[in-house]
Amino acid sequence: MERFDDAHDRRQAIIDRMLVEALHPASNDRSPSHDGLPEDMRRVVDVLLAKAEAQRQRRLTYEDLEEALPPRDVSAEDLEAIFWILSEHGIAIEDGDPAGD
């Protein structure tokens, strides 16, 4: 279980950094492409987009993200790309229940 906790902590640190950067963007970098992601990361994006569409939600939870991620360690770049691509579709990942939408 320690390995899961370590991976979760690393992901949370990445998410926290990305939230800070979103509030204070350093540059106007070009957003990543869905096609440029590794195959398993494209599946993650597809699963999350399908879930948001099926639930008619614009917000998903961190739990939704965790369930969609593969069992391997996910790089900061892959996680950042997932957030960018979802945001381009108007979908946010947030704490809590997405039903408040």
PDB file of N, CA and C in Angstrom:
ATOM      1  N   MET A   1       0.829  -1.186   0.000  1.00  0.00           N
ATOM      2  CA  MET A   1       0.000   0.000   0.000  1.00  0.00           C
ATOM      3  C   MET A   1       0.875   1.252   0.000  1.00  0.00           C
ATOM      4  N   GLU A   2       2.090   1.143   0.533  1.00  0.00           N
ATOM      5  CA  GLU A   2       2.983   2.290   0.546  1.00  0.00           C
ATOM      6  C   GLU A   2       3.212   2.829  -0.852  1.00  0.00           C
ATOM      7  N   ARG A   3       3.374   1.936  -1.820  1.00  0.00           N
ATOM      8  CA  ARG A   3       3.640   2.382  -3.187  1.00  0.00           C
ATOM      9  C   ARG A   3       2.483   3.226  -3.706  1.00  0.00           C
ATOM     10  N   PHE A   4       1.232   2.809  -3.438  1.00  0.00           N
ATOM     11  CA  PHE A   4       0.074   3.586  -3.840  1.00  0.00           C
ATOM     12  C   PHE A   4       0.112   4.961  -3.177  1.00  0.00           C
ATOM     13  N   ASP A   5       0.427   4.997  -1.881  1.00  0.00           N
ATOM     14  CA  ASP A   5       0.478   6.262  -1.162  1.00  0.00           C
ATOM     15  C   ASP A   5       1.543   7.175  -1.734  1.00  0.00           C
ATOM     16  N   ASP A   6       2.710   6.625  -2.069  1.00  0.00           N
ATOM     17  CA  ASP A   6       3.779   7.428  -2.653  1.00  0.00           C
ATOM     18  C   ASP A   6       3.360   7.981  -4.006  1.00  0.00           C
ATOM     19  N   ALA A   7       2.747   7.147  -4.830  1.00  0.00           N
ATOM     20  CA  ALA A   7       2.299   7.598  -6.150  1.00  0.00           C
ATOM     21  C   ALA A   7       1.218   8.660  -5.992  1.00  0.00           C
ATOM     22  N   HIS A   8       0.311   8.442  -5.068  1.00  0.00           N
ATOM     23  CA  HIS A   8      -0.757   9.418  -4.831  1.00  0.00           C
ATOM     24  C   HIS A   8      -0.168  10.752  -4.372  1.00  0.00           C
ATOM     25  N   ASP A   9       0.798  10.700  -3.454  1.00  0.00           N
ATOM     26  CA  ASP A   9       1.433  11.930  -2.965  1.00  0.00           C
ATOM     27  C   ASP A   9       2.144  12.673  -4.088  1.00  0.00           C
ATOM     28  N   ARG A  10       2.831  11.940  -4.971  1.00  0.00           N
ATOM     29  CA  ARG A  10       3.516  12.587  -6.098  1.00  0.00           C
ATOM     30  C   ARG A  10       2.505  13.234  -7.038  1.00  0.00           C
ATOM     31  N   ARG A  11       1.413  12.529  -7.306  1.00  0.00           N
ATOM     32  CA  ARG A  11       0.371  13.088  -8.172  1.00  0.00           C
ATOM     33  C   ARG A  11      -0.241  14.334  -7.549  1.00  0.00           C
ATOM     34  N   GLN A  12      -0.490  14.289  -6.238  1.00  0.00           N
ATOM     35  CA  GLN A  12      -1.076  15.446  -5.571  1.00  0.00           C
ATOM     36  C   GLN A  12      -0.132  16.638  -5.616  1.00  0.00           C
ATOM     37  N   ALA A  13       1.161  16.408  -5.464  1.00  0.00           N
ATOM     38  CA  ALA A  13       2.134  17.498  -5.565  1.00  0.00           C
ATOM     39  C   ALA A  13       2.106  18.115  -6.960  1.00  0.00           C
ATOM     40  N   ILE A  14       1.986  17.281  -7.977  1.00  0.00           N
ATOM     41  CA  ILE A  14       1.913  17.776  -9.359  1.00  0.00           C
ATOM     42  C   ILE A  14       0.635  18.590  -9.545  1.00  0.00           C
ATOM     43  N   ILE A  15      -0.466  18.085  -9.035  1.00  0.00           N
ATOM     44  CA  ILE A  15      -1.743  18.789  -9.154  1.00  0.00           C
ATOM     45  C   ILE A  15      -1.671  20.130  -8.443  1.00  0.00           C
ATOM     46  N   ASP A  16      -1.114  20.154  -7.247  1.00  0.00           N
ATOM     47  CA  ASP A  16      -0.979  21.406  -6.500  1.00  0.00           C
ATOM     48  C   ASP A  16      -0.134  22.418  -7.260  1.00  0.00           C
ATOM     49  N   ARG A  17       0.979  21.963  -7.849  1.00  0.00           N
ATOM     50  CA  ARG A  17       1.845  22.860  -8.622  1.00  0.00           C
ATOM     51  C   ARG A  17       1.103  23.412  -9.828  1.00  0.00           C
ATOM     52  N   MET A  18       0.346  22.547 -10.485  1.00  0.00           N
ATOM     53  CA  MET A  18      -0.380  22.974 -11.674  1.00  0.00           C
ATOM     54  C   MET A  18      -1.459  23.998 -11.334  1.00  0.00           C
ATOM     55  N   LEU A  19      -2.111  23.827 -10.181  1.00  0.00           N
ATOM     56  CA  LEU A  19      -3.120  24.794  -9.765  1.00  0.00           C
ATOM     57  C   LEU A  19      -2.491  26.158  -9.498  1.00  0.00           C
ATOM     58  N   VAL A  20      -1.332  26.175  -8.862  1.00  0.00           N
ATOM     59  CA  VAL A  20      -0.621  27.431  -8.623  1.00  0.00           C
ATOM     60  C   VAL A  20      -0.222  28.071  -9.947  1.00  0.00           C
ATOM     61  N   GLU A  21       0.308  27.272 -10.870  1.00  0.00           N
ATOM     62  CA  GLU A  21       0.713  27.797 -12.169  1.00  0.00           C
ATOM     63  C   GLU A  21      -0.474  28.301 -12.974  1.00  0.00           C
ATOM     64  N   ALA A  22      -1.638  27.676 -12.792  1.00  0.00           N
ATOM     65  CA  ALA A  22      -2.836  28.123 -13.513  1.00  0.00           C
ATOM     66  C   ALA A  22      -3.265  29.507 -13.044  1.00  0.00           C
ATOM     67  N   LEU A  23      -3.063  29.786 -11.767  1.00  0.00           N
ATOM     68  CA  LEU A  23      -3.407  31.103 -11.237  1.00  0.00           C
ATOM     69  C   LEU A  23      -2.398  32.166 -11.643  1.00  0.00           C
ATOM     70  N   HIS A  24      -1.161  31.760 -11.856  1.00  0.00           N
ATOM     71  CA  HIS A  24      -0.085  32.676 -12.217  1.00  0.00           C
ATOM     72  C   HIS A  24       0.720  32.086 -13.374  1.00  0.00           C
ATOM     73  N   PRO A  25       0.140  32.057 -14.580  1.00  0.00           N
ATOM     74  CA  PRO A  25       0.840  31.425 -15.707  1.00  0.00           C
ATOM     75  C   PRO A  25       2.154  32.132 -16.032  1.00  0.00           C
ATOM     76  N   ALA A  26       3.174  31.334 -16.241  1.00  0.00           N
ATOM     77  CA  ALA A  26       4.496  31.869 -16.553  1.00  0.00           C
ATOM     78  C   ALA A  26       4.616  32.224 -18.028  1.00  0.00           C
ATOM     79  N   SER A  27       3.861  31.526 -18.867  1.00  0.00           N
ATOM     80  CA  SER A  27       3.936  31.784 -20.301  1.00  0.00           C
ATOM     81  C   SER A  27       2.675  31.292 -20.980  1.00  0.00           C
ATOM     82  N   ASN A  28       2.572  31.548 -22.236  1.00  0.00           N
ATOM     83  CA  ASN A  28       1.437  31.070 -23.018  1.00  0.00           C
ATOM     84  C   ASN A  28       1.874  29.889 -23.869  1.00  0.00           C
ATOM     85  N   ASP A  29       2.334  28.841 -23.221  1.00  0.00           N
ATOM     86  CA  ASP A  29       2.777  27.644 -23.936  1.00  0.00           C
ATOM     87  C   ASP A  29       1.627  27.044 -24.717  1.00  0.00           C
ATOM     88  N   ARG A  30       1.971  26.423 -25.814  1.00  0.00           N
ATOM     89  CA  ARG A  30       0.976  25.720 -26.625  1.00  0.00           C
ATOM     90  C   ARG A  30       0.509  24.492 -25.861  1.00  0.00           C
ATOM     91  N   SER A  31      -0.783  24.252 -25.843  1.00  0.00           N
ATOM     92  CA  SER A  31      -1.306  23.109 -25.103  1.00  0.00           C
ATOM     93  C   SER A  31      -0.952  21.803 -25.802  1.00  0.00           C
ATOM     94  N   PRO A  32      -0.813  20.742 -25.022  1.00  0.00           N
ATOM     95  CA  PRO A  32      -0.442  19.451 -25.588  1.00  0.00           C
ATOM     96  C   PRO A  32      -1.563  18.865 -26.447  1.00  0.00           C
ATOM     97  N   SER A  33      -1.193  18.012 -27.345  1.00  0.00           N
ATOM     98  CA  SER A  33      -2.138  17.362 -28.236  1.00  0.00           C
ATOM     99  C   SER A  33      -2.503  15.986 -27.704  1.00  0.00           C
ATOM    100  N   HIS A  34      -3.755  15.636 -27.850  1.00  0.00           N
ATOM    101  CA  HIS A  34      -4.225  14.305 -27.478  1.00  0.00           C
ATOM    102  C   HIS A  34      -3.429  13.248 -28.239  1.00  0.00           C
ATOM    103  N   ASP A  35      -3.171  13.501 -29.516  1.00  0.00           N
ATOM    104  CA  ASP A  35      -2.441  12.542 -30.356  1.00  0.00           C
ATOM    105  C   ASP A  35      -0.990  12.367 -29.926  1.00  0.00           C
ATOM    106  N   GLY A  36      -0.427  13.353 -29.230  1.00  0.00           N
ATOM    107  CA  GLY A  36       0.961  13.280 -28.801  1.00  0.00           C
ATOM    108  C   GLY A  36       1.171  12.494 -27.522  1.00  0.00           C
ATOM    109  N   LEU A  37       0.082  12.082 -26.886  1.00  0.00           N
ATOM    110  CA  LEU A  37       0.194  11.332 -25.633  1.00  0.00           C
ATOM    111  C   LEU A  37       0.479   9.855 -25.892  1.00  0.00           C
ATOM    112  N   PRO A  38       1.105   9.194 -24.931  1.00  0.00           N
ATOM    113  CA  PRO A  38       1.240   7.738 -25.036  1.00  0.00           C
ATOM    114  C   PRO A  38      -0.165   7.114 -25.087  1.00  0.00           C
ATOM    115  N   GLU A  39      -0.256   5.926 -25.653  1.00  0.00           N
ATOM    116  CA  GLU A  39      -1.552   5.276 -25.856  1.00  0.00           C
ATOM    117  C   GLU A  39      -2.358   5.144 -24.564  1.00  0.00           C
ATOM    118  N   ASP A  40      -1.705   4.755 -23.464  1.00  0.00           N
ATOM    119  CA  ASP A  40      -2.466   4.586 -22.221  1.00  0.00           C
ATOM    120  C   ASP A  40      -2.984   5.920 -21.685  1.00  0.00           C
ATOM    121  N   MET A  41      -2.269   7.009 -21.946  1.00  0.00           N
ATOM    122  CA  MET A  41      -2.731   8.326 -21.516  1.00  0.00           C
ATOM    123  C   MET A  41      -3.879   8.820 -22.407  1.00  0.00           C
ATOM    124  N   ARG A  42      -3.852   8.460 -23.692  1.00  0.00           N
ATOM    125  CA  ARG A  42      -4.984   8.803 -24.573  1.00  0.00           C
ATOM    126  C   ARG A  42      -6.251   8.103 -24.079  1.00  0.00           C
ATOM    127  N   ARG A  43      -6.090   6.855 -23.629  1.00  0.00           N
ATOM    128  CA  ARG A  43      -7.240   6.117 -23.090  1.00  0.00           C
ATOM    129  C   ARG A  43      -7.778   6.808 -21.837  1.00  0.00           C
ATOM    130  N   VAL A  44      -6.889   7.303 -20.987  1.00  0.00           N
ATOM    131  CA  VAL A  44      -7.314   8.015 -19.778  1.00  0.00           C
ATOM    132  C   VAL A  44      -8.171   9.220 -20.166  1.00  0.00           C
ATOM    133  N   VAL A  45      -7.682  10.012 -21.108  1.00  0.00           N
ATOM    134  CA  VAL A  45      -8.434  11.190 -21.556  1.00  0.00           C
ATOM    135  C   VAL A  45      -9.778  10.759 -22.134  1.00  0.00           C
ATOM    136  N   ASP A  46      -9.768   9.740 -22.967  1.00  0.00           N
ATOM    137  CA  ASP A  46     -11.015   9.272 -23.582  1.00  0.00           C
ATOM    138  C   ASP A  46     -12.019   8.805 -22.522  1.00  0.00           C
ATOM    139  N   VAL A  47     -11.540   8.082 -21.520  1.00  0.00           N
ATOM    140  CA  VAL A  47     -12.416   7.603 -20.443  1.00  0.00           C
ATOM    141  C   VAL A  47     -13.017   8.783 -19.684  1.00  0.00           C
ATOM    142  N   LEU A  48     -12.187   9.765 -19.365  1.00  0.00           N
ATOM    143  CA  LEU A  48     -12.669  10.922 -18.617  1.00  0.00           C
ATOM    144  C   LEU A  48     -13.654  11.756 -19.433  1.00  0.00           C
ATOM    145  N   LEU A  49     -13.362  11.943 -20.716  1.00  0.00           N
ATOM    146  CA  LEU A  49     -14.290  12.686 -21.581  1.00  0.00           C
ATOM    147  C   LEU A  49     -15.622  11.951 -21.690  1.00  0.00           C
ATOM    148  N   ALA A  50     -15.564  10.628 -21.847  1.00  0.00           N
ATOM    149  CA  ALA A  50     -16.789   9.838 -21.953  1.00  0.00           C
ATOM    150  C   ALA A  50     -17.591   9.900 -20.652  1.00  0.00           C
ATOM    151  N   LYS A  51     -16.901   9.849 -19.530  1.00  0.00           N
ATOM    152  CA  LYS A  51     -17.585   9.906 -18.235  1.00  0.00           C
ATOM    153  C   LYS A  51     -18.279  11.254 -18.058  1.00  0.00           C
ATOM    154  N   ALA A  52     -17.575  12.329 -18.385  1.00  0.00           N
ATOM    155  CA  ALA A  52     -18.171  13.663 -18.267  1.00  0.00           C
ATOM    156  C   ALA A  52     -19.391  13.795 -19.172  1.00  0.00           C
ATOM    157  N   GLU A  53     -19.282  13.265 -20.381  1.00  0.00           N
ATOM    158  CA  GLU A  53     -20.402  13.335 -21.321  1.00  0.00           C
ATOM    159  C   GLU A  53     -21.582  12.497 -20.830  1.00  0.00           C
ATOM    160  N   ALA A  54     -21.308  11.296 -20.369  1.00  0.00           N
ATOM    161  CA  ALA A  54     -22.378  10.409 -19.906  1.00  0.00           C
ATOM    162  C   ALA A  54     -23.101  10.990 -18.690  1.00  0.00           C
ATOM    163  N   GLN A  55     -22.354  11.661 -17.830  1.00  0.00           N
ATOM    164  CA  GLN A  55     -22.935  12.245 -16.623  1.00  0.00           C
ATOM    165  C   GLN A  55     -23.413  13.673 -16.851  1.00  0.00           C
ATOM    166  N   ARG A  56     -23.155  14.169 -18.062  1.00  0.00           N
ATOM    167  CA  ARG A  56     -23.509  15.557 -18.403  1.00  0.00           C
ATOM    168  C   ARG A  56     -22.943  16.522 -17.368  1.00  0.00           C
ATOM    169  N   GLN A  57     -21.653  16.309 -17.074  1.00  0.00           N
ATOM    170  CA  GLN A  57     -20.937  17.119 -16.083  1.00  0.00           C
ATOM    171  C   GLN A  57     -19.808  17.889 -16.738  1.00  0.00           C
ATOM    172  N   ARG A  58     -19.476  19.016 -16.169  1.00  0.00           N
ATOM    173  CA  ARG A  58     -18.318  19.789 -16.596  1.00  0.00           C
ATOM    174  C   ARG A  58     -17.206  19.688 -15.554  1.00  0.00           C
ATOM    175  N   ARG A  59     -17.498  18.953 -14.491  1.00  0.00           N
ATOM    176  CA  ARG A  59     -16.504  18.746 -13.441  1.00  0.00           C
ATOM    177  C   ARG A  59     -16.438  17.273 -13.097  1.00  0.00           C
ATOM    178  N   LEU A  60     -15.225  16.790 -12.960  1.00  0.00           N
ATOM    179  CA  LEU A  60     -14.987  15.433 -12.480  1.00  0.00           C
ATOM    180  C   LEU A  60     -14.178  15.544 -11.197  1.00  0.00           C
ATOM    181  N   THR A  61     -14.116  14.458 -10.451  1.00  0.00           N
ATOM    182  CA  THR A  61     -13.385  14.480  -9.187  1.00  0.00           C
ATOM    183  C   THR A  61     -11.984  13.890  -9.356  1.00  0.00           C
ATOM    184  N   TYR A  62     -11.150  14.129  -8.361  1.00  0.00           N
ATOM    185  CA  TYR A  62      -9.829  13.508  -8.348  1.00  0.00           C
ATOM    186  C   TYR A  62      -9.980  11.988  -8.298  1.00  0.00           C
ATOM    187  N   GLU A  63     -11.043  11.507  -7.665  1.00  0.00           N
ATOM    188  CA  GLU A  63     -11.294  10.074  -7.626  1.00  0.00           C
ATOM    189  C   GLU A  63     -11.535   9.535  -9.041  1.00  0.00           C
ATOM    190  N   ASP A  64     -12.278  10.294  -9.852  1.00  0.00           N
ATOM    191  CA  ASP A  64     -12.494   9.902 -11.244  1.00  0.00           C
ATOM    192  C   ASP A  64     -11.154   9.806 -11.973  1.00  0.00           C
ATOM    193  N   LEU A  65     -10.291  10.782 -11.728  1.00  0.00           N
ATOM    194  CA  LEU A  65      -8.972  10.790 -12.357  1.00  0.00           C
ATOM    195  C   LEU A  65      -8.158   9.586 -11.904  1.00  0.00           C
ATOM    196  N   GLU A  66      -8.127   9.342 -10.597  1.00  0.00           N
ATOM    197  CA  GLU A  66      -7.359   8.209 -10.060  1.00  0.00           C
ATOM    198  C   GLU A  66      -7.836   6.884 -10.644  1.00  0.00           C
ATOM    199  N   GLU A  67      -9.165   6.729 -10.790  1.00  0.00           N
ATOM    200  CA  GLU A  67      -9.715   5.490 -11.334  1.00  0.00           C
ATOM    201  C   GLU A  67      -9.320   5.299 -12.795  1.00  0.00           C
ATOM    202  N   ALA A  68      -9.171   6.390 -13.528  1.00  0.00           N
ATOM    203  CA  ALA A  68      -8.865   6.301 -14.957  1.00  0.00           C
ATOM    204  C   ALA A  68      -7.374   6.104 -15.225  1.00  0.00           C
ATOM    205  N   LEU A  69      -6.528   6.515 -14.291  1.00  0.00           N
ATOM    206  CA  LEU A  69      -5.082   6.429 -14.520  1.00  0.00           C
ATOM    207  C   LEU A  69      -4.605   4.982 -14.524  1.00  0.00           C
ATOM    208  N   PRO A  70      -3.604   4.691 -15.339  1.00  0.00           N
ATOM    209  CA  PRO A  70      -3.044   3.332 -15.362  1.00  0.00           C
ATOM    210  C   PRO A  70      -2.285   3.050 -14.067  1.00  0.00           C
ATOM    211  N   PRO A  71      -1.993   1.790 -13.789  1.00  0.00           N
ATOM    212  CA  PRO A  71      -1.307   1.440 -12.540  1.00  0.00           C
ATOM    213  C   PRO A  71       0.150   1.914 -12.485  1.00  0.00           C
ATOM    214  N   ARG A  72       0.713   2.290 -13.616  1.00  0.00           N
ATOM    215  CA  ARG A  72       2.113   2.737 -13.616  1.00  0.00           C
ATOM    216  C   ARG A  72       2.214   4.168 -13.080  1.00  0.00           C
ATOM    217  N   ASP A  73       3.440   4.567 -12.703  1.00  0.00           N
ATOM    218  CA  ASP A  73       3.656   5.959 -12.331  1.00  0.00           C
ATOM    219  C   ASP A  73       3.426   6.824 -13.555  1.00  0.00           C
ATOM    220  N   VAL A  74       2.709   7.917 -13.372  1.00  0.00           N
ATOM    221  CA  VAL A  74       2.383   8.817 -14.462  1.00  0.00           C
ATOM    222  C   VAL A  74       3.305  10.024 -14.356  1.00  0.00           C
ATOM    223  N   SER A  75       3.900  10.402 -15.485  1.00  0.00           N
ATOM    224  CA  SER A  75       4.828  11.533 -15.465  1.00  0.00           C
ATOM    225  C   SER A  75       4.079  12.840 -15.263  1.00  0.00           C
ATOM    226  N   ALA A  76       4.800  13.831 -14.775  1.00  0.00           N
ATOM    227  CA  ALA A  76       4.216  15.160 -14.596  1.00  0.00           C
ATOM    228  C   ALA A  76       3.721  15.703 -15.921  1.00  0.00           C
ATOM    229  N   GLU A  77       4.457  15.444 -16.984  1.00  0.00           N
ATOM    230  CA  GLU A  77       4.072  15.938 -18.303  1.00  0.00           C
ATOM    231  C   GLU A  77       2.767  15.299 -18.781  1.00  0.00           C
ATOM    232  N   ASP A  78       2.622  13.996 -18.556  1.00  0.00           N
ATOM    233  CA  ASP A  78       1.394  13.313 -18.944  1.00  0.00           C
ATOM    234  C   ASP A  78       0.200  13.846 -18.151  1.00  0.00           C
ATOM    235  N   LEU A  79       0.374  14.014 -16.852  1.00  0.00           N
ATOM    236  CA  LEU A  79      -0.699  14.517 -16.007  1.00  0.00           C
ATOM    237  C   LEU A  79      -1.080  15.937 -16.408  1.00  0.00           C
ATOM    238  N   GLU A  80      -0.100  16.741 -16.678  1.00  0.00           N
ATOM    239  CA  GLU A  80      -0.355  18.115 -17.119  1.00  0.00           C
ATOM    240  C   GLU A  80      -1.102  18.117 -18.453  1.00  0.00           C
ATOM    241  N   ALA A  81      -0.714  17.243 -19.367  1.00  0.00           N
ATOM    242  CA  ALA A  81      -1.384  17.151 -20.658  1.00  0.00           C
ATOM    243  C   ALA A  81      -2.845  16.743 -20.479  1.00  0.00           C
ATOM    244  N   ILE A  82      -3.103  15.819 -19.578  1.00  0.00           N
ATOM    245  CA  ILE A  82      -4.479  15.399 -19.317  1.00  0.00           C
ATOM    246  C   ILE A  82      -5.314  16.590 -18.863  1.00  0.00           C
ATOM    247  N   PHE A  83      -4.777  17.369 -17.924  1.00  0.00           N
ATOM    248  CA  PHE A  83      -5.499  18.544 -17.431  1.00  0.00           C
ATOM    249  C   PHE A  83      -5.745  19.555 -18.550  1.00  0.00           C
ATOM    250  N   TRP A  84      -4.734  19.798 -19.381  1.00  0.00           N
ATOM    251  CA  TRP A  84      -4.880  20.745 -20.488  1.00  0.00           C
ATOM    252  C   TRP A  84      -5.956  20.297 -21.461  1.00  0.00           C
ATOM    253  N   ILE A  85      -5.901  19.049 -21.849  1.00  0.00           N
ATOM    254  CA  ILE A  85      -6.852  18.535 -22.837  1.00  0.00           C
ATOM    255  C   ILE A  85      -8.269  18.573 -22.281  1.00  0.00           C
ATOM    256  N   LEU A  86      -8.431  18.175 -21.034  1.00  0.00           N
ATOM    257  CA  LEU A  86      -9.761  18.244 -20.429  1.00  0.00           C
ATOM    258  C   LEU A  86     -10.259  19.683 -20.365  1.00  0.00           C
ATOM    259  N   SER A  87      -9.366  20.607 -20.014  1.00  0.00           N
ATOM    260  CA  SER A  87      -9.793  22.004 -19.923  1.00  0.00           C
ATOM    261  C   SER A  87     -10.196  22.548 -21.289  1.00  0.00           C
ATOM    262  N   GLU A  88      -9.544  22.071 -22.348  1.00  0.00           N
ATOM    263  CA  GLU A  88      -9.932  22.491 -23.692  1.00  0.00           C
ATOM    264  C   GLU A  88     -11.349  22.040 -24.030  1.00  0.00           C
ATOM    265  N   HIS A  89     -11.807  20.991 -23.368  1.00  0.00           N
ATOM    266  CA  HIS A  89     -13.171  20.491 -23.552  1.00  0.00           C
ATOM    267  C   HIS A  89     -14.120  21.065 -22.498  1.00  0.00           C
ATOM    268  N   GLY A  90     -13.607  22.002 -21.703  1.00  0.00           N
ATOM    269  CA  GLY A  90     -14.436  22.640 -20.680  1.00  0.00           C
ATOM    270  C   GLY A  90     -14.682  21.790 -19.458  1.00  0.00           C
ATOM    271  N   ILE A  91     -13.789  20.843 -19.194  1.00  0.00           N
ATOM    272  CA  ILE A  91     -13.950  19.933 -18.064  1.00  0.00           C
ATOM    273  C   ILE A  91     -12.837  20.185 -17.057  1.00  0.00           C
ATOM    274  N   ALA A  92     -13.241  20.303 -15.788  1.00  0.00           N
ATOM    275  CA  ALA A  92     -12.284  20.522 -14.701  1.00  0.00           C
ATOM    276  C   ALA A  92     -12.267  19.312 -13.790  1.00  0.00           C
ATOM    277  N   ILE A  93     -11.126  19.117 -13.147  1.00  0.00           N
ATOM    278  CA  ILE A  93     -10.988  18.087 -12.118  1.00  0.00           C
ATOM    279  C   ILE A  93     -10.948  18.830 -10.790  1.00  0.00           C
ATOM    280  N   GLU A  94     -11.846  18.453  -9.874  1.00  0.00           N
ATOM    281  CA  GLU A  94     -11.966  19.157  -8.595  1.00  0.00           C
ATOM    282  C   GLU A  94     -12.158  18.180  -7.457  1.00  0.00           C
ATOM    283  N   ASP A  95     -11.965  18.678  -6.240  1.00  0.00           N
ATOM    284  CA  ASP A  95     -12.299  17.908  -5.043  1.00  0.00           C
ATOM    285  C   ASP A  95     -13.807  17.838  -4.920  1.00  0.00           C
ATOM    286  N   GLY A  96     -14.301  16.781  -4.334  1.00  0.00           N
ATOM    287  CA  GLY A  96     -15.714  16.725  -3.992  1.00  0.00           C
ATOM    288  C   GLY A  96     -16.613  16.132  -5.039  1.00  0.00           C
ATOM    289  N   ASP A  97     -17.904  16.345  -4.817  1.00  0.00           N
ATOM    290  CA  ASP A  97     -18.971  15.766  -5.632  1.00  0.00           C
ATOM    291  C   ASP A  97     -19.240  16.624  -6.851  1.00  0.00           C
ATOM    292  N   PRO A  98     -19.146  16.049  -8.064  1.00  0.00           N
ATOM    293  CA  PRO A  98     -19.382  16.852  -9.268  1.00  0.00           C
ATOM    294  C   PRO A  98     -20.848  17.196  -9.487  1.00  0.00           C
ATOM    295  N   ALA A  99     -21.759  16.640  -8.688  1.00  0.00           N
ATOM    296  CA  ALA A  99     -23.198  16.864  -8.886  1.00  0.00           C
ATOM    297  C   ALA A  99     -23.617  18.295  -8.616  1.00  0.00           C
ATOM    298  N   GLY A 100     -22.733  19.085  -8.030  1.00  0.00           N
ATOM    299  CA  GLY A 100     -23.054  20.484  -7.748  1.00  0.00           C
ATOM    300  C   GLY A 100     -23.070  21.348  -8.986  1.00  0.00           C
ATOM    301  N   ASP A 101     -22.822  20.786 -10.146  1.00  0.00           N
ATOM    302  CA  ASP A 101     -22.752  21.512 -11.418  1.00  0.00           C
ATOM    303  C   ASP A 101     -24.090  22.016 -11.863  1.00  0.00           C
TER     304      ASP A 101
END
